[in-house]
Amino acid sequence: MTDASARPLGLRLLPLAILLTGLGVFFAAGGTEIVSFQTLSDRYADLEAYVAANRLTAALIFVALYAGLVSLVVFPGAVVLTLSGGLLFGTFVGGTLTVIGATIGATVVFLATRTAFADLLKRKAGARLSALQAGFEKNAFSYLLALRLTPLAPYYVVNIAGGVFGMKLSHYVVATLFGVMPATYVYSGLGAGLGATIRAGEDIHVAGLASQPEVVLPLIGLGLLSLAPVFLKRRKERAA
């Protein structure tokens, strides 16, 4: 297998260039206004009707949109889109579509990071990225799972870290898939209940959801549980 660092510089930077171009197009097109609670409220009736008449097509579009936006690295509308999935497709279907889209998008970032600029980021990693290095080196799978289950670091930083610190692709995909499920289904369930709020003409207030104990505490528990293999490994090393 050819080392990524041995490839021509232009080829190695191509994935990064594509992601940066997509990010620029997103902001230039007013993406932050399109993917917003205001737009969701204003277009809810149209979106609901389209999903009802074209459920499979709408599901595929949703997954593609979610994956595409996550692959832009810095995705400002994740909460809006996750809630939208629950609102338009229901808790389970909407949550499942979100999990699939998030995993695909994160994997695109992982691959781009590993092939395009992993060496550069290793040398010039910021404080947030550097703080994750020890955890990835000790037990990458369990550590990534913990980071996915609990908001210990920004989602885009975690996406990049997996590629920078040489995690296996299969481990990355599985840990991401299962790691994003709990929070996704929680928010998808919250989204499923927003229909009545929108139809009543009330504003959507979800900024404080992340601080609610009924949402955070189960996720923290799951995150601690996922770290069990790390603690067991340390105990074995000390006993040896």
C-alpha atoms as a PDB file:
ATOM      1  CA  MET A   1       0.000   0.000   0.000  1.00  0.00           C
ATOM      2  CA  THR A   2       1.351   3.421  -0.953  1.00  0.00           C
ATOM      3  CA  ASP A   3       2.062   5.810   1.906  1.00  0.00           C
ATOM      4  CA  ALA A   4      -0.225   8.855   1.736  1.00  0.00           C
ATOM      5  CA  SER A   5       2.753  11.140   2.356  1.00  0.00           C
ATOM      6  CA  ALA A   6       4.430   9.790  -0.799  1.00  0.00           C
ATOM      7  CA  ARG A   7       1.621  10.968  -3.045  1.00  0.00           C
ATOM      8  CA  PRO A   8       1.898  14.273  -4.957  1.00  0.00           C
ATOM      9  CA  LEU A   9       1.032  17.265  -2.769  1.00  0.00           C
ATOM     10  CA  GLY A  10      -1.804  18.342  -5.057  1.00  0.00           C
ATOM     11  CA  LEU A  11      -3.425  14.900  -4.856  1.00  0.00           C
ATOM     12  CA  ARG A  12      -3.117  14.788  -1.080  1.00  0.00           C
ATOM     13  CA  LEU A  13      -4.667  18.238  -0.705  1.00  0.00           C
ATOM     14  CA  LEU A  14      -7.534  17.592  -3.136  1.00  0.00           C
ATOM     15  CA  PRO A  15      -9.964  16.237  -0.468  1.00  0.00           C
ATOM     16  CA  LEU A  16      -9.216  19.265   1.720  1.00  0.00           C
ATOM     17  CA  ALA A  17      -9.777  21.623  -1.207  1.00  0.00           C
ATOM     18  CA  ILE A  18     -13.145  19.992  -1.950  1.00  0.00           C
ATOM     19  CA  LEU A  19     -14.262  20.310   1.685  1.00  0.00           C
ATOM     20  CA  LEU A  20     -13.175  23.948   1.915  1.00  0.00           C
ATOM     21  CA  THR A  21     -14.923  24.754  -1.364  1.00  0.00           C
ATOM     22  CA  GLY A  22     -18.125  23.141  -0.106  1.00  0.00           C
ATOM     23  CA  LEU A  23     -17.866  25.088   3.139  1.00  0.00           C
ATOM     24  CA  GLY A  24     -17.435  28.326   1.242  1.00  0.00           C
ATOM     25  CA  VAL A  25     -20.426  27.602  -0.994  1.00  0.00           C
ATOM     26  CA  PHE A  26     -22.552  26.742   2.058  1.00  0.00           C
ATOM     27  CA  PHE A  27     -21.909  30.076   3.767  1.00  0.00           C
ATOM     28  CA  ALA A  28     -22.018  32.085   0.536  1.00  0.00           C
ATOM     29  CA  ALA A  29     -25.438  30.634  -0.269  1.00  0.00           C
ATOM     30  CA  GLY A  30     -26.765  31.617   3.162  1.00  0.00           C
ATOM     31  CA  GLY A  31     -26.749  28.071   4.451  1.00  0.00           C
ATOM     32  CA  THR A  32     -26.896  29.168   8.074  1.00  0.00           C
ATOM     33  CA  GLU A  33     -30.212  30.913   7.362  1.00  0.00           C
ATOM     34  CA  ILE A  34     -31.626  28.044   5.308  1.00  0.00           C
ATOM     35  CA  VAL A  35     -30.807  25.423   7.951  1.00  0.00           C
ATOM     36  CA  SER A  36     -32.491  27.289  10.790  1.00  0.00           C
ATOM     37  CA  PHE A  37     -35.459  27.024  13.129  1.00  0.00           C
ATOM     38  CA  GLN A  38     -37.104  29.970  11.399  1.00  0.00           C
ATOM     39  CA  THR A  39     -36.985  28.262   8.013  1.00  0.00           C
ATOM     40  CA  LEU A  40     -38.193  25.012   9.567  1.00  0.00           C
ATOM     41  CA  SER A  41     -41.174  26.798  11.089  1.00  0.00           C
ATOM     42  CA  ASP A  42     -41.980  28.755   7.930  1.00  0.00           C
ATOM     43  CA  ARG A  43     -41.762  25.764   5.574  1.00  0.00           C
ATOM     44  CA  TYR A  44     -43.042  23.043   7.919  1.00  0.00           C
ATOM     45  CA  ALA A  45     -46.355  22.516   6.104  1.00  0.00           C
ATOM     46  CA  ASP A  46     -44.627  22.200   2.709  1.00  0.00           C
ATOM     47  CA  LEU A  47     -41.970  19.852   4.061  1.00  0.00           C
ATOM     48  CA  GLU A  48     -44.542  17.702   5.846  1.00  0.00           C
ATOM     49  CA  ALA A  49     -46.601  17.376   2.668  1.00  0.00           C
ATOM     50  CA  TYR A  50     -43.551  16.480   0.570  1.00  0.00           C
ATOM     51  CA  VAL A  51     -42.394  13.795   2.998  1.00  0.00           C
ATOM     52  CA  ALA A  52     -45.894  12.299   3.128  1.00  0.00           C
ATOM     53  CA  ALA A  53     -46.048  12.056  -0.674  1.00  0.00           C
ATOM     54  CA  ASN A  54     -42.405  11.066  -1.295  1.00  0.00           C
ATOM     55  CA  ARG A  55     -41.227   9.286   1.822  1.00  0.00           C
ATOM     56  CA  LEU A  56     -38.367   7.241   0.344  1.00  0.00           C
ATOM     57  CA  THR A  57     -37.059  10.085  -1.803  1.00  0.00           C
ATOM     58  CA  ALA A  58     -37.312  12.497   1.109  1.00  0.00           C
ATOM     59  CA  ALA A  59     -35.418  10.044   3.332  1.00  0.00           C
ATOM     60  CA  LEU A  60     -32.588   9.722   0.800  1.00  0.00           C
ATOM     61  CA  ILE A  61     -32.406  13.511   0.381  1.00  0.00           C
ATOM     62  CA  PHE A  62     -32.275  13.959   4.148  1.00  0.00           C
ATOM     63  CA  VAL A  63     -29.411  11.464   4.555  1.00  0.00           C
ATOM     64  CA  ALA A  64     -27.485  13.028   1.660  1.00  0.00           C
ATOM     65  CA  LEU A  65     -28.018  16.538   3.049  1.00  0.00           C
ATOM     66  CA  TYR A  66     -26.959  15.549   6.562  1.00  0.00           C
ATOM     67  CA  ALA A  67     -23.878  13.691   5.326  1.00  0.00           C
ATOM     68  CA  GLY A  68     -22.928  16.561   3.035  1.00  0.00           C
ATOM     69  CA  LEU A  69     -23.221  19.181   5.749  1.00  0.00           C
ATOM     70  CA  VAL A  70     -21.315  17.101   8.319  1.00  0.00           C
ATOM     71  CA  SER A  71     -18.543  16.590   5.769  1.00  0.00           C
ATOM     72  CA  LEU A  72     -18.078  20.378   5.662  1.00  0.00           C
ATOM     73  CA  VAL A  73     -16.205  19.881   8.961  1.00  0.00           C
ATOM     74  CA  VAL A  74     -17.784  22.854  10.754  1.00  0.00           C
ATOM     75  CA  PHE A  75     -21.520  22.155  10.645  1.00  0.00           C
ATOM     76  CA  PRO A  76     -23.523  24.905  12.404  1.00  0.00           C
ATOM     77  CA  GLY A  77     -26.970  23.388  11.823  1.00  0.00           C
ATOM     78  CA  ALA A  78     -26.625  19.915  13.344  1.00  0.00           C
ATOM     79  CA  VAL A  79     -29.221  20.399  16.084  1.00  0.00           C
ATOM     80  CA  VAL A  80     -31.723  21.945  13.661  1.00  0.00           C
ATOM     81  CA  LEU A  81     -31.355  19.120  11.156  1.00  0.00           C
ATOM     82  CA  THR A  82     -31.510  16.403  13.832  1.00  0.00           C
ATOM     83  CA  LEU A  83     -34.707  17.854  15.258  1.00  0.00           C
ATOM     84  CA  SER A  84     -36.059  18.196  11.720  1.00  0.00           C
ATOM     85  CA  GLY A  85     -35.526  14.486  11.166  1.00  0.00           C
ATOM     86  CA  GLY A  86     -37.646  13.642  14.183  1.00  0.00           C
ATOM     87  CA  LEU A  87     -40.256  16.219  13.237  1.00  0.00           C
ATOM     88  CA  LEU A  88     -40.672  15.024   9.643  1.00  0.00           C
ATOM     89  CA  PHE A  89     -40.036  11.276   9.937  1.00  0.00           C
ATOM     90  CA  GLY A  90     -40.755  10.419  13.561  1.00  0.00           C
ATOM     91  CA  THR A  91     -38.399   9.527  16.395  1.00  0.00           C
ATOM     92  CA  PHE A  92     -37.069   6.160  15.222  1.00  0.00           C
ATOM     93  CA  VAL A  93     -36.957   6.699  11.448  1.00  0.00           C
ATOM     94  CA  GLY A  94     -35.730  10.274  11.767  1.00  0.00           C
ATOM     95  CA  GLY A  95     -33.107   9.262  14.303  1.00  0.00           C
ATOM     96  CA  THR A  96     -31.925   6.365  12.149  1.00  0.00           C
ATOM     97  CA  LEU A  97     -31.612   8.565   9.066  1.00  0.00           C
ATOM     98  CA  THR A  98     -29.633  11.082  11.098  1.00  0.00           C
ATOM     99  CA  VAL A  99     -27.289   8.400  12.456  1.00  0.00           C
ATOM    100  CA  ILE A 100     -26.608   7.148   8.914  1.00  0.00           C
ATOM    101  CA  GLY A 101     -26.019  10.656   7.554  1.00  0.00           C
ATOM    102  CA  ALA A 102     -23.811  11.666  10.474  1.00  0.00           C
ATOM    103  CA  THR A 103     -21.706   8.518  10.172  1.00  0.00           C
ATOM    104  CA  ILE A 104     -21.217   8.941   6.411  1.00  0.00           C
ATOM    105  CA  GLY A 105     -20.295  12.617   6.782  1.00  0.00           C
ATOM    106  CA  ALA A 106     -17.897  11.958   9.657  1.00  0.00           C
ATOM    107  CA  THR A 107     -16.234   9.169   7.674  1.00  0.00           C
ATOM    108  CA  VAL A 108     -15.697  11.515   4.722  1.00  0.00           C
ATOM    109  CA  VAL A 109     -13.937  13.962   7.059  1.00  0.00           C
ATOM    110  CA  PHE A 110     -11.905  11.114   8.571  1.00  0.00           C
ATOM    111  CA  LEU A 111     -10.683   9.938   5.164  1.00  0.00           C
ATOM    112  CA  ALA A 112      -9.937  13.461   3.956  1.00  0.00           C
ATOM    113  CA  THR A 113      -8.005  14.212   7.144  1.00  0.00           C
ATOM    114  CA  ARG A 114      -5.984  11.030   6.975  1.00  0.00           C
ATOM    115  CA  THR A 115      -5.003  11.407   3.346  1.00  0.00           C
ATOM    116  CA  ALA A 116      -4.737  15.152   2.945  1.00  0.00           C
ATOM    117  CA  PHE A 117      -3.314  16.911   5.957  1.00  0.00           C
ATOM    118  CA  ALA A 118      -2.876  14.509   8.899  1.00  0.00           C
ATOM    119  CA  ASP A 119       0.891  15.123   9.133  1.00  0.00           C
ATOM    120  CA  LEU A 120       0.403  18.880   9.098  1.00  0.00           C
ATOM    121  CA  LEU A 121      -2.150  18.756  11.910  1.00  0.00           C
ATOM    122  CA  LYS A 122       0.045  16.444  13.975  1.00  0.00           C
ATOM    123  CA  ARG A 123       2.799  19.052  13.885  1.00  0.00           C
ATOM    124  CA  LYS A 124       0.566  22.049  14.422  1.00  0.00           C
ATOM    125  CA  ALA A 125      -2.329  20.583  16.397  1.00  0.00           C
ATOM    126  CA  GLY A 126      -4.271  23.062  18.476  1.00  0.00           C
ATOM    127  CA  ALA A 127      -4.877  22.638  22.190  1.00  0.00           C
ATOM    128  CA  ARG A 128      -8.216  20.873  21.671  1.00  0.00           C
ATOM    129  CA  LEU A 129      -6.758  18.339  19.271  1.00  0.00           C
ATOM    130  CA  SER A 130      -3.606  17.756  21.299  1.00  0.00           C
ATOM    131  CA  ALA A 131      -5.668  17.095  24.420  1.00  0.00           C
ATOM    132  CA  LEU A 132      -7.249  14.100  22.688  1.00  0.00           C
ATOM    133  CA  GLN A 133      -4.015  12.457  21.567  1.00  0.00           C
ATOM    134  CA  ALA A 134      -3.309  10.411  24.717  1.00  0.00           C
ATOM    135  CA  GLY A 135      -6.790   8.917  24.742  1.00  0.00           C
ATOM    136  CA  PHE A 136      -6.586   7.854  21.100  1.00  0.00           C
ATOM    137  CA  GLU A 137      -3.155   6.306  21.592  1.00  0.00           C
ATOM    138  CA  LYS A 138      -4.240   4.224  24.618  1.00  0.00           C
ATOM    139  CA  ASN A 139      -7.542   2.842  23.340  1.00  0.00           C
ATOM    140  CA  ALA A 140      -8.816   4.573  20.219  1.00  0.00           C
ATOM    141  CA  PHE A 141     -12.108   2.692  19.879  1.00  0.00           C
ATOM    142  CA  SER A 142     -13.312   3.165  23.471  1.00  0.00           C
ATOM    143  CA  TYR A 143     -12.083   6.737  23.588  1.00  0.00           C
ATOM    144  CA  LEU A 144     -13.842   7.703  20.372  1.00  0.00           C
ATOM    145  CA  LEU A 145     -17.004   5.980  21.595  1.00  0.00           C
ATOM    146  CA  ALA A 146     -16.850   8.040  24.791  1.00  0.00           C
ATOM    147  CA  LEU A 147     -16.327  11.249  22.834  1.00  0.00           C
ATOM    148  CA  ARG A 148     -19.326  10.438  20.632  1.00  0.00           C
ATOM    149  CA  LEU A 149     -21.563   9.603  23.581  1.00  0.00           C
ATOM    150  CA  THR A 150     -20.750  12.704  25.605  1.00  0.00           C
ATOM    151  CA  PRO A 151     -20.022  16.272  24.391  1.00  0.00           C
ATOM    152  CA  LEU A 152     -16.449  16.298  25.729  1.00  0.00           C
ATOM    153  CA  ALA A 153     -15.141  17.935  22.545  1.00  0.00           C
ATOM    154  CA  PRO A 154     -16.692  19.589  19.473  1.00  0.00           C
ATOM    155  CA  TYR A 155     -17.993  17.053  16.948  1.00  0.00           C
ATOM    156  CA  TYR A 156     -15.821  18.345  14.110  1.00  0.00           C
ATOM    157  CA  VAL A 157     -12.670  18.159  16.263  1.00  0.00           C
ATOM    158  CA  VAL A 158     -13.427  14.509  17.065  1.00  0.00           C
ATOM    159  CA  ASN A 159     -13.969  13.785  13.359  1.00  0.00           C
ATOM    160  CA  ILE A 160     -10.558  15.197  12.535  1.00  0.00           C
ATOM    161  CA  ALA A 161      -8.791  13.573  15.498  1.00  0.00           C
ATOM    162  CA  GLY A 162      -9.620  10.032  14.369  1.00  0.00           C
ATOM    163  CA  GLY A 163      -7.786  10.560  11.101  1.00  0.00           C
ATOM    164  CA  VAL A 164      -4.914  12.552  12.564  1.00  0.00           C
ATOM    165  CA  PHE A 165      -4.064   9.940  15.183  1.00  0.00           C
ATOM    166  CA  GLY A 166      -4.171   6.966  12.815  1.00  0.00           C
ATOM    167  CA  MET A 167      -7.332   5.182  13.968  1.00  0.00           C
ATOM    168  CA  LYS A 168      -8.491   2.192  11.918  1.00  0.00           C
ATOM    169  CA  LEU A 169     -11.313   3.019   9.520  1.00  0.00           C
ATOM    170  CA  SER A 170     -13.501   0.096  10.628  1.00  0.00           C
ATOM    171  CA  HIS A 171     -13.126   1.025  14.305  1.00  0.00           C
ATOM    172  CA  TYR A 172     -13.863   4.658  13.520  1.00  0.00           C
ATOM    173  CA  VAL A 173     -17.049   3.847  11.602  1.00  0.00           C
ATOM    174  CA  VAL A 174     -18.412   1.430  14.233  1.00  0.00           C
ATOM    175  CA  ALA A 175     -17.593   3.719  17.181  1.00  0.00           C
ATOM    176  CA  THR A 176     -19.168   6.668  15.379  1.00  0.00           C
ATOM    177  CA  LEU A 177     -22.275   4.724  14.358  1.00  0.00           C
ATOM    178  CA  PHE A 178     -23.057   3.510  17.871  1.00  0.00           C
ATOM    179  CA  GLY A 179     -21.654   6.560  19.633  1.00  0.00           C
ATOM    180  CA  VAL A 180     -23.976   9.073  18.003  1.00  0.00           C
ATOM    181  CA  MET A 181     -27.106   6.949  18.492  1.00  0.00           C
ATOM    182  CA  PRO A 182     -28.123   7.896  22.085  1.00  0.00           C
ATOM    183  CA  ALA A 183     -27.977  11.678  21.676  1.00  0.00           C
ATOM    184  CA  THR A 184     -29.456  11.460  18.175  1.00  0.00           C
ATOM    185  CA  TYR A 185     -32.531   9.537  19.273  1.00  0.00           C
ATOM    186  CA  VAL A 186     -32.991  11.853  22.259  1.00  0.00           C
ATOM    187  CA  TYR A 187     -33.019  14.924  20.013  1.00  0.00           C
ATOM    188  CA  SER A 188     -35.024  13.151  17.331  1.00  0.00           C
ATOM    189  CA  GLY A 189     -37.655  12.389  19.960  1.00  0.00           C
ATOM    190  CA  LEU A 190     -37.709  16.018  20.990  1.00  0.00           C
ATOM    191  CA  GLY A 191     -38.084  16.993  17.342  1.00  0.00           C
ATOM    192  CA  ALA A 192     -41.022  14.641  16.908  1.00  0.00           C
ATOM    193  CA  GLY A 193     -42.927  16.710  19.447  1.00  0.00           C
ATOM    194  CA  LEU A 194     -42.290  20.081  17.787  1.00  0.00           C
ATOM    195  CA  GLY A 195     -45.156  19.803  15.298  1.00  0.00           C
ATOM    196  CA  ALA A 196     -47.751  21.050  17.746  1.00  0.00           C
ATOM    197  CA  THR A 197     -45.474  23.933  18.759  1.00  0.00           C
ATOM    198  CA  ILE A 198     -45.002  25.036  15.145  1.00  0.00           C
ATOM    199  CA  ARG A 199     -48.701  24.692  14.264  1.00  0.00           C
ATOM    200  CA  ALA A 200     -49.546  26.853  17.279  1.00  0.00           C
ATOM    201  CA  GLY A 201     -47.268  29.568  15.906  1.00  0.00           C
ATOM    202  CA  GLU A 202     -44.946  29.423  18.909  1.00  0.00           C
ATOM    203  CA  ASP A 203     -41.198  29.944  18.756  1.00  0.00           C
ATOM    204  CA  ILE A 204     -38.915  26.914  18.994  1.00  0.00           C
ATOM    205  CA  HIS A 205     -36.717  27.122  22.077  1.00  0.00           C
ATOM    206  CA  VAL A 206     -34.203  24.284  22.228  1.00  0.00           C
ATOM    207  CA  ALA A 207     -31.022  26.110  23.190  1.00  0.00           C
ATOM    208  CA  GLY A 208     -31.350  24.869  26.763  1.00  0.00           C
ATOM    209  CA  LEU A 209     -31.942  21.217  25.917  1.00  0.00           C
ATOM    210  CA  ALA A 210     -28.308  20.257  26.317  1.00  0.00           C
ATOM    211  CA  SER A 211     -28.384  21.430  29.940  1.00  0.00           C
ATOM    212  CA  GLN A 212     -31.440  19.418  30.933  1.00  0.00           C
ATOM    213  CA  PRO A 213     -30.563  16.570  33.365  1.00  0.00           C
ATOM    214  CA  GLU A 214     -32.939  14.114  31.686  1.00  0.00           C
ATOM    215  CA  VAL A 215     -30.924  14.502  28.481  1.00  0.00           C
ATOM    216  CA  VAL A 216     -27.382  14.889  29.798  1.00  0.00           C
ATOM    217  CA  LEU A 217     -27.234  12.370  32.664  1.00  0.00           C
ATOM    218  CA  PRO A 218     -27.977   9.228  30.601  1.00  0.00           C
ATOM    219  CA  LEU A 219     -25.374  10.299  28.037  1.00  0.00           C
ATOM    220  CA  ILE A 220     -22.745  10.855  30.725  1.00  0.00           C
ATOM    221  CA  GLY A 221     -23.480   7.403  32.138  1.00  0.00           C
ATOM    222  CA  LEU A 222     -23.068   5.797  28.737  1.00  0.00           C
ATOM    223  CA  GLY A 223     -19.849   7.707  28.186  1.00  0.00           C
ATOM    224  CA  LEU A 224     -18.377   6.470  31.476  1.00  0.00           C
ATOM    225  CA  LEU A 225     -19.418   2.927  30.628  1.00  0.00           C
ATOM    226  CA  SER A 226     -17.634   3.096  27.287  1.00  0.00           C
ATOM    227  CA  LEU A 227     -14.397   3.963  29.125  1.00  0.00           C
ATOM    228  CA  ALA A 228     -14.482   0.697  31.075  1.00  0.00           C
ATOM    229  CA  PRO A 229     -12.068  -1.093  28.670  1.00  0.00           C
ATOM    230  CA  VAL A 230      -9.534   1.703  29.169  1.00  0.00           C
ATOM    231  CA  PHE A 231      -9.620   1.343  32.958  1.00  0.00           C
ATOM    232  CA  LEU A 232      -9.443  -2.457  32.724  1.00  0.00           C
ATOM    233  CA  LYS A 233      -6.417  -2.214  30.447  1.00  0.00           C
ATOM    234  CA  ARG A 234      -4.673   0.102  32.921  1.00  0.00           C
ATOM    235  CA  ARG A 235      -5.362  -2.299  35.791  1.00  0.00           C
ATOM    236  CA  LYS A 236      -3.875  -5.195  33.804  1.00  0.00           C
ATOM    237  CA  GLU A 237      -0.788  -3.113  32.990  1.00  0.00           C
ATOM    238  CA  ARG A 238      -0.296  -2.220  36.663  1.00  0.00           C
ATOM    239  CA  ALA A 239      -0.788  -5.821  37.764  1.00  0.00           C
ATOM    240  CA  ALA A 240       1.713  -7.146  35.204  1.00  0.00           C
END
